[in-house]
Amino acid sequence: MDLRSTPRAGLELEAHPKQTKPEREVRRRIAESGWEQATVGDYMIYHQHGAAHLKETLAPLLEEWQPYLRRLSISASSPHLLLSFSPAPPVLETEARFTAVQKLAEAILKRQGTRDKR
């Protein structure tokens, strides 16, 4: 698995706490056509149609990282995976952080493999 792999088009996603407003760059990005909106726990999720399945994958991570996670972004442009925390959660002081991010990356790549085989 290569975390530097570029997500396929349509697998883009933005998540942020419901009580916050997305950054200007994110608002511009999600204003483009093809983005859908959903709520997962205390987070707003904006995703392209091909990333709808990631909501279920992200739900446990969002719950674990709340109230620390300020932004999660999966983008076709670099950086492809962005996690922004404030302050850093205690779980990030352990090896669990790498496991959680690896699970997320595997879910993205697994879905890509499924779509590539069609």
PDB file of N, CA and C in Angstrom:
ATOM      1  N   MET A   1       0.845  -1.177   0.000  1.00  0.00           N
ATOM      2  CA  MET A   1       0.000   0.000   0.000  1.00  0.00           C
ATOM      3  C   MET A   1       0.889   1.238   0.000  1.00  0.00           C
ATOM      4  N   ASP A   2       0.588   2.183  -0.850  1.00  0.00           N
ATOM      5  CA  ASP A   2       1.356   3.413  -0.962  1.00  0.00           C
ATOM      6  C   ASP A   2       0.446   4.586  -0.614  1.00  0.00           C
ATOM      7  N   LEU A   3       0.715   5.226   0.522  1.00  0.00           N
ATOM      8  CA  LEU A   3      -0.121   6.347   0.948  1.00  0.00           C
ATOM      9  C   LEU A   3       0.031   7.555   0.036  1.00  0.00           C
ATOM     10  N   ARG A   4       1.004   7.514  -0.867  1.00  0.00           N
ATOM     11  CA  ARG A   4       1.192   8.623  -1.799  1.00  0.00           C
ATOM     12  C   ARG A   4       0.368   8.440  -3.066  1.00  0.00           C
ATOM     13  N   SER A   5      -0.365   7.355  -3.183  1.00  0.00           N
ATOM     14  CA  SER A   5      -1.190   7.115  -4.367  1.00  0.00           C
ATOM     15  C   SER A   5      -2.258   8.189  -4.499  1.00  0.00           C
ATOM     16  N   THR A   6      -2.524   8.593  -5.721  1.00  0.00           N
ATOM     17  CA  THR A   6      -3.548   9.589  -5.984  1.00  0.00           C
ATOM     18  C   THR A   6      -4.919   8.924  -6.003  1.00  0.00           C
ATOM     19  N   PRO A   7      -5.877   9.430  -5.199  1.00  0.00           N
ATOM     20  CA  PRO A   7      -7.228   8.863  -5.261  1.00  0.00           C
ATOM     21  C   PRO A   7      -7.838   9.058  -6.650  1.00  0.00           C
ATOM     22  N   ARG A   8      -8.644   8.114  -7.054  1.00  0.00           N
ATOM     23  CA  ARG A   8      -9.351   8.247  -8.337  1.00  0.00           C
ATOM     24  C   ARG A   8     -10.299   9.429  -8.281  1.00  0.00           C
ATOM     25  N   ALA A   9     -10.574   9.958  -9.430  1.00  0.00           N
ATOM     26  CA  ALA A   9     -11.584  11.026  -9.520  1.00  0.00           C
ATOM     27  C   ALA A   9     -12.895  10.479  -8.963  1.00  0.00           C
ATOM     28  N   GLY A  10     -13.600  11.288  -8.228  1.00  0.00           N
ATOM     29  CA  GLY A  10     -14.869  10.873  -7.647  1.00  0.00           C
ATOM     30  C   GLY A  10     -14.733  10.328  -6.244  1.00  0.00           C
ATOM     31  N   LEU A  11     -13.504  10.099  -5.775  1.00  0.00           N
ATOM     32  CA  LEU A  11     -13.295   9.596  -4.415  1.00  0.00           C
ATOM     33  C   LEU A  11     -12.848  10.710  -3.480  1.00  0.00           C
ATOM     34  N   GLU A  12     -13.265  11.922  -3.776  1.00  0.00           N
ATOM     35  CA  GLU A  12     -12.861  13.046  -2.950  1.00  0.00           C
ATOM     36  C   GLU A  12     -13.898  13.303  -1.858  1.00  0.00           C
ATOM     37  N   LEU A  13     -13.394  13.769  -0.696  1.00  0.00           N
ATOM     38  CA  LEU A  13     -14.256  13.941   0.465  1.00  0.00           C
ATOM     39  C   LEU A  13     -13.679  15.023   1.368  1.00  0.00           C
ATOM     40  N   GLU A  14     -14.561  15.759   2.032  1.00  0.00           N
ATOM     41  CA  GLU A  14     -14.190  16.756   3.039  1.00  0.00           C
ATOM     42  C   GLU A  14     -15.070  16.521   4.262  1.00  0.00           C
ATOM     43  N   ALA A  15     -14.472  16.561   5.449  1.00  0.00           N
ATOM     44  CA  ALA A  15     -15.230  16.437   6.693  1.00  0.00           C
ATOM     45  C   ALA A  15     -14.766  17.505   7.668  1.00  0.00           C
ATOM     46  N   HIS A  16     -15.709  18.097   8.373  1.00  0.00           N
ATOM     47  CA  HIS A  16     -15.391  19.083   9.406  1.00  0.00           C
ATOM     48  C   HIS A  16     -16.514  19.081  10.436  1.00  0.00           C
ATOM     49  N   PRO A  17     -16.234  19.544  11.662  1.00  0.00           N
ATOM     50  CA  PRO A  17     -17.280  19.588  12.692  1.00  0.00           C
ATOM     51  C   PRO A  17     -18.462  20.445  12.237  1.00  0.00           C
ATOM     52  N   LYS A  18     -19.670  20.007  12.595  1.00  0.00           N
ATOM     53  CA  LYS A  18     -20.878  20.732  12.179  1.00  0.00           C
ATOM     54  C   LYS A  18     -20.889  22.177  12.651  1.00  0.00           C
ATOM     55  N   GLN A  19     -20.319  22.439  13.823  1.00  0.00           N
ATOM     56  CA  GLN A  19     -20.393  23.788  14.378  1.00  0.00           C
ATOM     57  C   GLN A  19     -19.360  24.740  13.775  1.00  0.00           C
ATOM     58  N   THR A  20     -18.524  24.263  12.858  1.00  0.00           N
ATOM     59  CA  THR A  20     -17.531  25.133  12.225  1.00  0.00           C
ATOM     60  C   THR A  20     -17.848  25.320  10.745  1.00  0.00           C
ATOM     61  N   LYS A  21     -17.311  26.377  10.200  1.00  0.00           N
ATOM     62  CA  LYS A  21     -17.488  26.682   8.786  1.00  0.00           C
ATOM     63  C   LYS A  21     -16.232  26.212   8.043  1.00  0.00           C
ATOM     64  N   PRO A  22     -16.403  25.535   6.908  1.00  0.00           N
ATOM     65  CA  PRO A  22     -15.216  25.098   6.161  1.00  0.00           C
ATOM     66  C   PRO A  22     -14.374  26.294   5.708  1.00  0.00           C
ATOM     67  N   GLU A  23     -13.085  26.051   5.539  1.00  0.00           N
ATOM     68  CA  GLU A  23     -12.188  27.085   5.046  1.00  0.00           C
ATOM     69  C   GLU A  23     -12.612  27.512   3.644  1.00  0.00           C
ATOM     70  N   ARG A  24     -12.194  28.700   3.255  1.00  0.00           N
ATOM     71  CA  ARG A  24     -12.579  29.264   1.951  1.00  0.00           C
ATOM     72  C   ARG A  24     -12.234  28.316   0.801  1.00  0.00           C
ATOM     73  N   GLU A  25     -11.055  27.749   0.839  1.00  0.00           N
ATOM     74  CA  GLU A  25     -10.628  26.836  -0.228  1.00  0.00           C
ATOM     75  C   GLU A  25     -11.557  25.615  -0.302  1.00  0.00           C
ATOM     76  N   VAL A  26     -11.968  25.118   0.854  1.00  0.00           N
ATOM     77  CA  VAL A  26     -12.876  23.963   0.897  1.00  0.00           C
ATOM     78  C   VAL A  26     -14.247  24.363   0.370  1.00  0.00           C
ATOM     79  N   ARG A  27     -14.745  25.527   0.775  1.00  0.00           N
ATOM     80  CA  ARG A  27     -16.051  25.988   0.290  1.00  0.00           C
ATOM     81  C   ARG A  27     -16.039  26.120  -1.232  1.00  0.00           C
ATOM     82  N   ARG A  28     -14.940  26.620  -1.780  1.00  0.00           N
ATOM     83  CA  ARG A  28     -14.824  26.762  -3.235  1.00  0.00           C
ATOM     84  C   ARG A  28     -14.837  25.378  -3.895  1.00  0.00           C
ATOM     85  N   ARG A  29     -14.105  24.459  -3.300  1.00  0.00           N
ATOM     86  CA  ARG A  29     -14.010  23.101  -3.857  1.00  0.00           C
ATOM     87  C   ARG A  29     -15.360  22.385  -3.840  1.00  0.00           C
ATOM     88  N   ILE A  30     -16.079  22.460  -2.728  1.00  0.00           N
ATOM     89  CA  ILE A  30     -17.350  21.732  -2.625  1.00  0.00           C
ATOM     90  C   ILE A  30     -18.486  22.445  -3.348  1.00  0.00           C
ATOM     91  N   ALA A  31     -18.253  23.676  -3.785  1.00  0.00           N
ATOM     92  CA  ALA A  31     -19.270  24.387  -4.565  1.00  0.00           C
ATOM     93  C   ALA A  31     -19.324  23.863  -6.000  1.00  0.00           C
ATOM     94  N   GLU A  32     -18.290  23.129  -6.413  1.00  0.00           N
ATOM     95  CA  GLU A  32     -18.282  22.543  -7.757  1.00  0.00           C
ATOM     96  C   GLU A  32     -19.396  21.506  -7.849  1.00  0.00           C
ATOM     97  N   SER A  33     -19.849  21.246  -9.032  1.00  0.00           N
ATOM     98  CA  SER A  33     -20.934  20.276  -9.205  1.00  0.00           C
ATOM     99  C   SER A  33     -20.469  18.869  -8.845  1.00  0.00           C
ATOM    100  N   GLY A  34     -21.411  18.059  -8.440  1.00  0.00           N
ATOM    101  CA  GLY A  34     -21.134  16.666  -8.147  1.00  0.00           C
ATOM    102  C   GLY A  34     -20.841  16.364  -6.683  1.00  0.00           C
ATOM    103  N   TRP A  35     -20.876  17.376  -5.811  1.00  0.00           N
ATOM    104  CA  TRP A  35     -20.630  17.144  -4.390  1.00  0.00           C
ATOM    105  C   TRP A  35     -21.952  16.965  -3.662  1.00  0.00           C
ATOM    106  N   GLU A  36     -21.994  16.003  -2.753  1.00  0.00           N
ATOM    107  CA  GLU A  36     -23.168  15.739  -1.935  1.00  0.00           C
ATOM    108  C   GLU A  36     -22.820  16.033  -0.476  1.00  0.00           C
ATOM    109  N   GLN A  37     -23.837  16.240   0.334  1.00  0.00           N
ATOM    110  CA  GLN A  37     -23.647  16.584   1.741  1.00  0.00           C
ATOM    111  C   GLN A  37     -24.322  15.538   2.610  1.00  0.00           C
ATOM    112  N   ALA A  38     -23.687  15.189   3.723  1.00  0.00           N
ATOM    113  CA  ALA A  38     -24.260  14.238   4.668  1.00  0.00           C
ATOM    114  C   ALA A  38     -23.765  14.585   6.070  1.00  0.00           C
ATOM    115  N   THR A  39     -24.440  14.048   7.067  1.00  0.00           N
ATOM    116  CA  THR A  39     -24.031  14.217   8.449  1.00  0.00           C
ATOM    117  C   THR A  39     -23.616  12.857   8.990  1.00  0.00           C
ATOM    118  N   VAL A  40     -22.459  12.828   9.641  1.00  0.00           N
ATOM    119  CA  VAL A  40     -21.990  11.620  10.316  1.00  0.00           C
ATOM    120  C   VAL A  40     -21.610  12.042  11.725  1.00  0.00           C
ATOM    121  N   GLY A  41     -22.440  11.667  12.701  1.00  0.00           N
ATOM    122  CA  GLY A  41     -22.189  12.093  14.074  1.00  0.00           C
ATOM    123  C   GLY A  41     -22.216  13.608  14.168  1.00  0.00           C
ATOM    124  N   ASP A  42     -21.152  14.175  14.701  1.00  0.00           N
ATOM    125  CA  ASP A  42     -21.047  15.624  14.857  1.00  0.00           C
ATOM    126  C   ASP A  42     -20.301  16.281  13.703  1.00  0.00           C
ATOM    127  N   TYR A  43     -20.190  15.590  12.581  1.00  0.00           N
ATOM    128  CA  TYR A  43     -19.438  16.109  11.436  1.00  0.00           C
ATOM    129  C   TYR A  43     -20.304  16.259  10.199  1.00  0.00           C
ATOM    130  N   MET A  44     -19.976  17.271   9.429  1.00  0.00           N
ATOM    131  CA  MET A  44     -20.553  17.437   8.095  1.00  0.00           C
ATOM    132  C   MET A  44     -19.570  16.794   7.127  1.00  0.00           C
ATOM    133  N   ILE A  45     -20.114  16.006   6.240  1.00  0.00           N
ATOM    134  CA  ILE A  45     -19.304  15.335   5.231  1.00  0.00           C
ATOM    135  C   ILE A  45     -19.757  15.846   3.874  1.00  0.00           C
ATOM    136  N   TYR A  46     -18.824  16.300   3.082  1.00  0.00           N
ATOM    137  CA  TYR A  46     -19.074  16.681   1.698  1.00  0.00           C
ATOM    138  C   TYR A  46     -18.284  15.687   0.861  1.00  0.00           C
ATOM    139  N   HIS A  47     -18.953  15.052  -0.080  1.00  0.00           N
ATOM    140  CA  HIS A  47     -18.256  14.027  -0.850  1.00  0.00           C
ATOM    141  C   HIS A  47     -18.767  13.992  -2.278  1.00  0.00           C
ATOM    142  N   GLN A  48     -17.928  13.496  -3.144  1.00  0.00           N
ATOM    143  CA  GLN A  48     -18.368  13.230  -4.504  1.00  0.00           C
ATOM    144  C   GLN A  48     -19.061  11.878  -4.493  1.00  0.00           C
ATOM    145  N   HIS A  49     -19.865  11.633  -5.493  1.00  0.00           N
ATOM    146  CA  HIS A  49     -20.711  10.433  -5.524  1.00  0.00           C
ATOM    147  C   HIS A  49     -19.914   9.147  -5.274  1.00  0.00           C
ATOM    148  N   GLY A  50     -18.742   9.041  -5.845  1.00  0.00           N
ATOM    149  CA  GLY A  50     -17.938   7.825  -5.703  1.00  0.00           C
ATOM    150  C   GLY A  50     -17.373   7.606  -4.315  1.00  0.00           C
ATOM    151  N   ALA A  51     -17.467   8.590  -3.441  1.00  0.00           N
ATOM    152  CA  ALA A  51     -16.916   8.482  -2.089  1.00  0.00           C
ATOM    153  C   ALA A  51     -17.995   8.267  -1.034  1.00  0.00           C
ATOM    154  N   ALA A  52     -19.233   8.051  -1.431  1.00  0.00           N
ATOM    155  CA  ALA A  52     -20.329   7.899  -0.473  1.00  0.00           C
ATOM    156  C   ALA A  52     -20.067   6.756   0.506  1.00  0.00           C
ATOM    157  N   HIS A  53     -19.451   5.682   0.038  1.00  0.00           N
ATOM    158  CA  HIS A  53     -19.178   4.527   0.900  1.00  0.00           C
ATOM    159  C   HIS A  53     -18.207   4.846   2.035  1.00  0.00           C
ATOM    160  N   LEU A  54     -17.400   5.886   1.879  1.00  0.00           N
ATOM    161  CA  LEU A  54     -16.409   6.226   2.899  1.00  0.00           C
ATOM    162  C   LEU A  54     -17.048   6.768   4.176  1.00  0.00           C
ATOM    163  N   LYS A  55     -18.303   7.205   4.098  1.00  0.00           N
ATOM    164  CA  LYS A  55     -18.985   7.711   5.298  1.00  0.00           C
ATOM    165  C   LYS A  55     -19.005   6.641   6.385  1.00  0.00           C
ATOM    166  N   GLU A  56     -19.321   5.411   6.023  1.00  0.00           N
ATOM    167  CA  GLU A  56     -19.382   4.323   6.993  1.00  0.00           C
ATOM    168  C   GLU A  56     -17.987   3.988   7.519  1.00  0.00           C
ATOM    169  N   THR A  57     -16.987   4.047   6.635  1.00  0.00           N
ATOM    170  CA  THR A  57     -15.616   3.772   7.043  1.00  0.00           C
ATOM    171  C   THR A  57     -15.121   4.831   8.012  1.00  0.00           C
ATOM    172  N   LEU A  58     -15.497   6.075   7.769  1.00  0.00           N
ATOM    173  CA  LEU A  58     -15.023   7.188   8.585  1.00  0.00           C
ATOM    174  C   LEU A  58     -15.738   7.318   9.929  1.00  0.00           C
ATOM    175  N   ALA A  59     -16.967   6.842  10.024  1.00  0.00           N
ATOM    176  CA  ALA A  59     -17.767   7.052  11.234  1.00  0.00           C
ATOM    177  C   ALA A  59     -17.029   6.689  12.526  1.00  0.00           C
ATOM    178  N   PRO A  60     -16.401   5.506  12.638  1.00  0.00           N
ATOM    179  CA  PRO A  60     -15.703   5.194  13.896  1.00  0.00           C
ATOM    180  C   PRO A  60     -14.505   6.116  14.154  1.00  0.00           C
ATOM    181  N   LEU A  61     -13.796   6.503  13.098  1.00  0.00           N
ATOM    182  CA  LEU A  61     -12.655   7.406  13.264  1.00  0.00           C
ATOM    183  C   LEU A  61     -13.115   8.784  13.707  1.00  0.00           C
ATOM    184  N   LEU A  62     -14.183   9.277  13.103  1.00  0.00           N
ATOM    185  CA  LEU A  62     -14.705  10.589  13.480  1.00  0.00           C
ATOM    186  C   LEU A  62     -15.150  10.593  14.932  1.00  0.00           C
ATOM    187  N   GLU A  63     -15.768   9.507  15.364  1.00  0.00           N
ATOM    188  CA  GLU A  63     -16.211   9.411  16.752  1.00  0.00           C
ATOM    189  C   GLU A  63     -15.013   9.379  17.700  1.00  0.00           C
ATOM    190  N   GLU A  64     -13.990   8.614  17.338  1.00  0.00           N
ATOM    191  CA  GLU A  64     -12.805   8.490  18.187  1.00  0.00           C
ATOM    192  C   GLU A  64     -12.031   9.806  18.278  1.00  0.00           C
ATOM    193  N   TRP A  65     -11.949  10.532  17.166  1.00  0.00           N
ATOM    194  CA  TRP A  65     -11.131  11.739  17.106  1.00  0.00           C
ATOM    195  C   TRP A  65     -11.894  13.006  17.494  1.00  0.00           C
ATOM    196  N   GLN A  66     -13.191  12.895  17.729  1.00  0.00           N
ATOM    197  CA  GLN A  66     -13.956  14.051  18.138  1.00  0.00           C
ATOM    198  C   GLN A  66     -13.611  14.351  19.588  1.00  0.00           C
ATOM    199  N   PRO A  67     -13.384  15.505  20.070  1.00  0.00           N
ATOM    200  CA  PRO A  67     -13.579  16.795  19.420  1.00  0.00           C
ATOM    201  C   PRO A  67     -12.291  17.395  18.841  1.00  0.00           C
ATOM    202  N   TYR A  68     -11.311  16.565  18.552  1.00  0.00           N
ATOM    203  CA  TYR A  68     -10.006  17.067  18.118  1.00  0.00           C
ATOM    204  C   TYR A  68      -9.912  17.335  16.612  1.00  0.00           C
ATOM    205  N   LEU A  69     -10.583  16.508  15.816  1.00  0.00           N
ATOM    206  CA  LEU A  69     -10.454  16.608  14.364  1.00  0.00           C
ATOM    207  C   LEU A  69     -11.152  17.854  13.841  1.00  0.00           C
ATOM    208  N   ARG A  70     -10.416  18.695  13.165  1.00  0.00           N
ATOM    209  CA  ARG A  70     -10.955  19.922  12.583  1.00  0.00           C
ATOM    210  C   ARG A  70     -11.210  19.784  11.096  1.00  0.00           C
ATOM    211  N   ARG A  71     -10.465  18.904  10.442  1.00  0.00           N
ATOM    212  CA  ARG A  71     -10.673  18.706   9.008  1.00  0.00           C
ATOM    213  C   ARG A  71     -10.066  17.382   8.582  1.00  0.00           C
ATOM    214  N   LEU A  72     -10.796  16.666   7.771  1.00  0.00           N
ATOM    215  CA  LEU A  72     -10.294  15.481   7.104  1.00  0.00           C
ATOM    216  C   LEU A  72     -10.575  15.699   5.625  1.00  0.00           C
ATOM    217  N   SER A  73      -9.558  15.549   4.813  1.00  0.00           N
ATOM    218  CA  SER A  73      -9.715  15.790   3.386  1.00  0.00           C
ATOM    219  C   SER A  73      -9.075  14.667   2.594  1.00  0.00           C
ATOM    220  N   ILE A  74      -9.805  14.164   1.621  1.00  0.00           N
ATOM    221  CA  ILE A  74      -9.280  13.211   0.644  1.00  0.00           C
ATOM    222  C   ILE A  74      -9.423  13.915  -0.694  1.00  0.00           C
ATOM    223  N   SER A  75      -8.298  14.132  -1.354  1.00  0.00           N
ATOM    224  CA  SER A  75      -8.292  14.963  -2.552  1.00  0.00           C
ATOM    225  C   SER A  75      -7.474  14.327  -3.668  1.00  0.00           C
ATOM    226  N   ALA A  76      -7.886  14.587  -4.902  1.00  0.00           N
ATOM    227  CA  ALA A  76      -7.117  14.119  -6.055  1.00  0.00           C
ATOM    228  C   ALA A  76      -5.851  14.948  -6.223  1.00  0.00           C
ATOM    229  N   SER A  77      -5.849  16.168  -5.658  1.00  0.00           N
ATOM    230  CA  SER A  77      -4.645  16.991  -5.724  1.00  0.00           C
ATOM    231  C   SER A  77      -3.846  16.822  -4.433  1.00  0.00           C
ATOM    232  N   SER A  78      -2.585  17.150  -4.475  1.00  0.00           N
ATOM    233  CA  SER A  78      -1.708  16.988  -3.329  1.00  0.00           C
ATOM    234  C   SER A  78      -1.970  18.095  -2.298  1.00  0.00           C
ATOM    235  N   PRO A  79      -2.002  17.803  -0.995  1.00  0.00           N
ATOM    236  CA  PRO A  79      -1.858  16.491  -0.371  1.00  0.00           C
ATOM    237  C   PRO A  79      -3.149  15.683  -0.520  1.00  0.00           C
ATOM    238  N   HIS A  80      -3.003  14.410  -0.757  1.00  0.00           N
ATOM    239  CA  HIS A  80      -4.159  13.558  -1.029  1.00  0.00           C
ATOM    240  C   HIS A  80      -4.962  13.236   0.228  1.00  0.00           C
ATOM    241  N   LEU A  81      -4.280  13.120   1.344  1.00  0.00           N
ATOM    242  CA  LEU A  81      -4.941  12.846   2.614  1.00  0.00           C
ATOM    243  C   LEU A  81      -4.467  13.889   3.615  1.00  0.00           C
ATOM    244  N   LEU A  82      -5.409  14.624   4.171  1.00  0.00           N
ATOM    245  CA  LEU A  82      -5.078  15.687   5.115  1.00  0.00           C
ATOM    246  C   LEU A  82      -5.917  15.503   6.365  1.00  0.00           C
ATOM    247  N   LEU A  83      -5.254  15.476   7.508  1.00  0.00           N
ATOM    248  CA  LEU A  83      -5.918  15.406   8.803  1.00  0.00           C
ATOM    249  C   LEU A  83      -5.451  16.603   9.616  1.00  0.00           C
ATOM    250  N   SER A  84      -6.376  17.418  10.085  1.00  0.00           N
ATOM    251  CA  SER A  84      -6.037  18.596  10.865  1.00  0.00           C
ATOM    252  C   SER A  84      -6.683  18.470  12.242  1.00  0.00           C
ATOM    253  N   PHE A  85      -5.855  18.525  13.297  1.00  0.00           N
ATOM    254  CA  PHE A  85      -6.326  18.373  14.666  1.00  0.00           C
ATOM    255  C   PHE A  85      -6.007  19.616  15.485  1.00  0.00           C
ATOM    256  N   SER A  86      -6.847  19.903  16.461  1.00  0.00           N
ATOM    257  CA  SER A  86      -6.569  20.995  17.385  1.00  0.00           C
ATOM    258  C   SER A  86      -7.320  20.747  18.689  1.00  0.00           C
ATOM    259  N   PRO A  87      -6.667  20.521  19.787  1.00  0.00           N
ATOM    260  CA  PRO A  87      -5.268  20.109  19.925  1.00  0.00           C
ATOM    261  C   PRO A  87      -5.117  18.658  19.503  1.00  0.00           C
ATOM    262  N   ALA A  88      -3.880  18.172  19.464  1.00  0.00           N
ATOM    263  CA  ALA A  88      -3.651  16.779  19.071  1.00  0.00           C
ATOM    264  C   ALA A  88      -4.292  15.857  20.108  1.00  0.00           C
ATOM    265  N   PRO A  89      -5.088  14.899  19.650  1.00  0.00           N
ATOM    266  CA  PRO A  89      -5.747  13.994  20.601  1.00  0.00           C
ATOM    267  C   PRO A  89      -4.748  13.018  21.222  1.00  0.00           C
ATOM    268  N   PRO A  90      -5.051  12.538  22.431  1.00  0.00           N
ATOM    269  CA  PRO A  90      -4.159  11.570  23.084  1.00  0.00           C
ATOM    270  C   PRO A  90      -3.894  10.336  22.223  1.00  0.00           C
ATOM    271  N   VAL A  91      -4.883   9.909  21.442  1.00  0.00           N
ATOM    272  CA  VAL A  91      -4.699   8.719  20.611  1.00  0.00           C
ATOM    273  C   VAL A  91      -3.575   8.923  19.596  1.00  0.00           C
ATOM    274  N   LEU A  92      -3.289  10.160  19.237  1.00  0.00           N
ATOM    275  CA  LEU A  92      -2.226  10.414  18.271  1.00  0.00           C
ATOM    276  C   LEU A  92      -0.841  10.303  18.899  1.00  0.00           C
ATOM    277  N   GLU A  93      -0.796  10.117  20.201  1.00  0.00           N
ATOM    278  CA  GLU A  93       0.486   9.934  20.864  1.00  0.00           C
ATOM    279  C   GLU A  93       0.907   8.469  20.842  1.00  0.00           C
ATOM    280  N   THR A  94       0.115   7.630  20.221  1.00  0.00           N
ATOM    281  CA  THR A  94       0.405   6.201  20.192  1.00  0.00           C
ATOM    282  C   THR A  94       0.483   5.703  18.759  1.00  0.00           C
ATOM    283  N   GLU A  95       0.799   4.444  18.642  1.00  0.00           N
ATOM    284  CA  GLU A  95       0.878   3.821  17.323  1.00  0.00           C
ATOM    285  C   GLU A  95      -0.510   3.702  16.685  1.00  0.00           C
ATOM    286  N   ALA A  96      -1.556   3.867  17.483  1.00  0.00           N
ATOM    287  CA  ALA A  96      -2.926   3.759  16.973  1.00  0.00           C
ATOM    288  C   ALA A  96      -3.183   4.762  15.857  1.00  0.00           C
ATOM    289  N   ARG A  97      -2.509   5.907  15.882  1.00  0.00           N
ATOM    290  CA  ARG A  97      -2.726   6.906  14.831  1.00  0.00           C
ATOM    291  C   ARG A  97      -2.376   6.346  13.468  1.00  0.00           C
ATOM    292  N   PHE A  98      -1.284   5.618  13.399  1.00  0.00           N
ATOM    293  CA  PHE A  98      -0.861   5.063  12.116  1.00  0.00           C
ATOM    294  C   PHE A  98      -1.817   3.972  11.658  1.00  0.00           C
ATOM    295  N   THR A  99      -2.297   3.184  12.607  1.00  0.00           N
ATOM    296  CA  THR A  99      -3.249   2.131  12.277  1.00  0.00           C
ATOM    297  C   THR A  99      -4.544   2.731  11.738  1.00  0.00           C
ATOM    298  N   ALA A 100      -5.038   3.793  12.372  1.00  0.00           N
ATOM    299  CA  ALA A 100      -6.281   4.421  11.935  1.00  0.00           C
ATOM    300  C   ALA A 100      -6.138   5.024  10.542  1.00  0.00           C
ATOM    301  N   VAL A 101      -5.038   5.720  10.301  1.00  0.00           N
ATOM    302  CA  VAL A 101      -4.821   6.317   8.985  1.00  0.00           C
ATOM    303  C   VAL A 101      -4.611   5.219   7.944  1.00  0.00           C
ATOM    304  N   GLN A 102      -3.933   4.154   8.315  1.00  0.00           N
ATOM    305  CA  GLN A 102      -3.731   3.043   7.391  1.00  0.00           C
ATOM    306  C   GLN A 102      -5.070   2.408   7.021  1.00  0.00           C
ATOM    307  N   LYS A 103      -5.974   2.233   7.983  1.00  0.00           N
ATOM    308  CA  LYS A 103      -7.298   1.669   7.701  1.00  0.00           C
ATOM    309  C   LYS A 103      -8.064   2.556   6.722  1.00  0.00           C
ATOM    310  N   LEU A 104      -7.970   3.858   6.914  1.00  0.00           N
ATOM    311  CA  LEU A 104      -8.633   4.797   6.017  1.00  0.00           C
ATOM    312  C   LEU A 104      -8.050   4.685   4.610  1.00  0.00           C
ATOM    313  N   ALA A 105      -6.728   4.674   4.514  1.00  0.00           N
ATOM    314  CA  ALA A 105      -6.079   4.565   3.200  1.00  0.00           C
ATOM    315  C   ALA A 105      -6.425   3.244   2.528  1.00  0.00           C
ATOM    316  N   GLU A 106      -6.462   2.158   3.290  1.00  0.00           N
ATOM    317  CA  GLU A 106      -6.823   0.855   2.723  1.00  0.00           C
ATOM    318  C   GLU A 106      -8.255   0.865   2.209  1.00  0.00           C
ATOM    319  N   ALA A 107      -9.160   1.510   2.929  1.00  0.00           N
ATOM    320  CA  ALA A 107     -10.556   1.591   2.477  1.00  0.00           C
ATOM    321  C   ALA A 107     -10.642   2.339   1.156  1.00  0.00           C
ATOM    322  N   ILE A 108      -9.875   3.400   1.029  1.00  0.00           N
ATOM    323  CA  ILE A 108      -9.872   4.174  -0.215  1.00  0.00           C
ATOM    324  C   ILE A 108      -9.310   3.331  -1.350  1.00  0.00           C
ATOM    325  N   LEU A 109      -8.168   2.704  -1.098  1.00  0.00           N
ATOM    326  CA  LEU A 109      -7.523   1.911  -2.146  1.00  0.00           C
ATOM    327  C   LEU A 109      -8.329   0.668  -2.496  1.00  0.00           C
ATOM    328  N   LYS A 110      -8.977   0.062  -1.504  1.00  0.00           N
ATOM    329  CA  LYS A 110      -9.818  -1.109  -1.761  1.00  0.00           C
ATOM    330  C   LYS A 110     -10.956  -0.734  -2.698  1.00  0.00           C
ATOM    331  N   ARG A 111     -11.581   0.379  -2.439  1.00  0.00           N
ATOM    332  CA  ARG A 111     -12.682   0.846  -3.277  1.00  0.00           C
ATOM    333  C   ARG A 111     -12.179   1.157  -4.681  1.00  0.00           C
ATOM    334  N   GLN A 112     -10.987   1.751  -4.775  1.00  0.00           N
ATOM    335  CA  GLN A 112     -10.422   2.042  -6.086  1.00  0.00           C
ATOM    336  C   GLN A 112     -10.220   0.750  -6.863  1.00  0.00           C
ATOM    337  N   GLY A 113      -9.683  -0.278  -6.193  1.00  0.00           N
ATOM    338  CA  GLY A 113      -9.450  -1.559  -6.857  1.00  0.00           C
ATOM    339  C   GLY A 113     -10.747  -2.162  -7.363  1.00  0.00           C
ATOM    340  N   THR A 114     -11.811  -2.044  -6.583  1.00  0.00           N
ATOM    341  CA  THR A 114     -13.121  -2.552  -6.983  1.00  0.00           C
ATOM    342  C   THR A 114     -13.611  -1.825  -8.221  1.00  0.00           C
ATOM    343  N   ARG A 115     -13.448  -0.526  -8.246  1.00  0.00           N
ATOM    344  CA  ARG A 115     -13.920   0.272  -9.379  1.00  0.00           C
ATOM    345  C   ARG A 115     -13.060   0.024 -10.608  1.00  0.00           C
ATOM    346  N   ASP A 116     -11.732  -0.195 -10.412  1.00  0.00           N
ATOM    347  CA  ASP A 116     -10.840  -0.419 -11.531  1.00  0.00           C
ATOM    348  C   ASP A 116     -11.136  -1.732 -12.248  1.00  0.00           C
ATOM    349  N   LYS A 117     -11.662  -2.719 -11.527  1.00  0.00           N
ATOM    350  CA  LYS A 117     -11.907  -4.038 -12.103  1.00  0.00           C
ATOM    351  C   LYS A 117     -13.196  -4.101 -12.889  1.00  0.00           C
ATOM    352  N   ARG A 118     -14.034  -3.092 -12.781  1.00  0.00           N
ATOM    353  CA  ARG A 118     -15.319  -3.089 -13.502  1.00  0.00           C
ATOM    354  C   ARG A 118     -15.127  -2.831 -14.964  1.00  0.00           C
TER     355      ARG A 118
END
